[in-house]
Amino acid sequence: MPKMKTKSSAKKRFSFTASGRIKMKPAGMRHGMRKRSQSMKRKARKIGLIAKPDEKVLKPMMPYQRKG
């Protein structure tokens, strides 16, 4: 059986918690900070968790990452 490939886009954007949930950073913090409001930049610093239904889509994309 050949090895399964990890989606590079998912590997760069998401990581797993110790319990197996998926962590993500909010969008909009890469560039163009001048036009963002201060409150938006403050809110986007926080790390969020992916919703359960979305985890079902993302977990097969990262088969060999740690799953808790």
Protein backbone atom coordinates (compact mmCIF):
# COMPACT_ATOMS: atom_id res chain seq x y z
CA MET A 1 0.00 0.00 0.00
CA PRO A 2 1.56 3.37 -0.96
CA LYS A 3 1.90 6.17 1.54
CA MET A 4 -0.83 8.80 1.66
CA LYS A 5 0.20 12.39 0.95
CA THR A 6 -0.39 15.30 3.30
CA LYS A 7 -1.99 18.36 1.68
CA SER A 8 0.68 21.06 1.84
CA SER A 9 -1.90 23.85 2.17
CA ALA A 10 -3.47 22.18 5.23
CA LYS A 11 -0.12 21.41 6.82
CA LYS A 12 0.88 25.09 6.61
CA ARG A 13 -2.38 26.51 7.98
CA PHE A 14 -3.54 24.07 10.66
CA SER A 15 -2.09 22.13 13.58
CA PHE A 16 -3.44 19.69 16.14
CA THR A 17 -4.02 20.18 19.85
CA ALA A 18 -3.02 17.48 22.33
CA SER A 19 -6.60 16.21 22.43
CA GLY A 20 -6.82 15.95 18.63
CA ARG A 21 -8.79 19.10 17.78
CA ILE A 22 -7.55 21.31 14.94
CA LYS A 23 -6.14 24.80 15.66
CA MET A 24 -6.16 27.68 13.17
CA LYS A 25 -5.18 31.33 13.03
CA PRO A 26 -7.81 33.77 11.77
CA ALA A 27 -7.44 35.18 8.27
CA GLY A 28 -6.25 38.67 7.42
CA MET A 29 -2.97 38.97 9.33
CA ARG A 30 -0.44 38.43 6.54
CA HIS A 31 -0.10 41.92 5.04
CA GLY A 32 -1.96 45.25 4.69
CA MET A 33 -1.99 45.98 8.41
CA ARG A 34 -2.44 49.73 7.94
CA LYS A 35 -5.96 49.39 6.59
CA ARG A 36 -7.07 46.98 9.34
CA SER A 37 -8.67 48.43 12.43
CA GLN A 38 -6.86 48.00 15.72
CA SER A 39 -9.71 45.92 17.14
CA MET A 40 -9.61 43.57 14.14
CA LYS A 41 -5.86 43.05 14.56
CA ARG A 42 -6.35 42.36 18.26
CA LYS A 43 -9.10 39.79 17.62
CA ALA A 44 -7.08 38.07 14.89
CA ARG A 45 -4.18 37.34 17.26
CA LYS A 46 -6.18 34.66 19.03
CA ILE A 47 -5.88 31.06 17.95
CA GLY A 48 -9.20 29.41 17.23
CA LEU A 49 -10.46 25.85 16.93
CA ILE A 50 -12.06 24.44 13.80
CA ALA A 51 -15.72 23.40 14.09
CA LYS A 52 -16.42 19.65 14.39
CA PRO A 53 -18.01 19.28 10.91
CA ASP A 54 -14.99 20.99 9.31
CA GLU A 55 -12.62 18.64 11.15
CA LYS A 56 -14.12 15.72 9.22
CA VAL A 57 -12.96 17.40 6.00
CA LEU A 58 -9.50 18.41 7.26
CA LYS A 59 -8.36 15.29 9.13
CA PRO A 60 -8.07 13.13 5.97
CA MET A 61 -5.88 15.85 4.43
CA MET A 62 -3.30 15.40 7.22
CA PRO A 63 -3.08 11.63 7.76
CA TYR A 64 0.26 11.47 9.58
CA GLN A 65 0.02 14.51 11.85
CA ARG A 66 -0.33 13.91 15.57
CA LYS A 67 -3.95 13.26 16.56
CA GLY A 68 -3.70 13.14 20.33
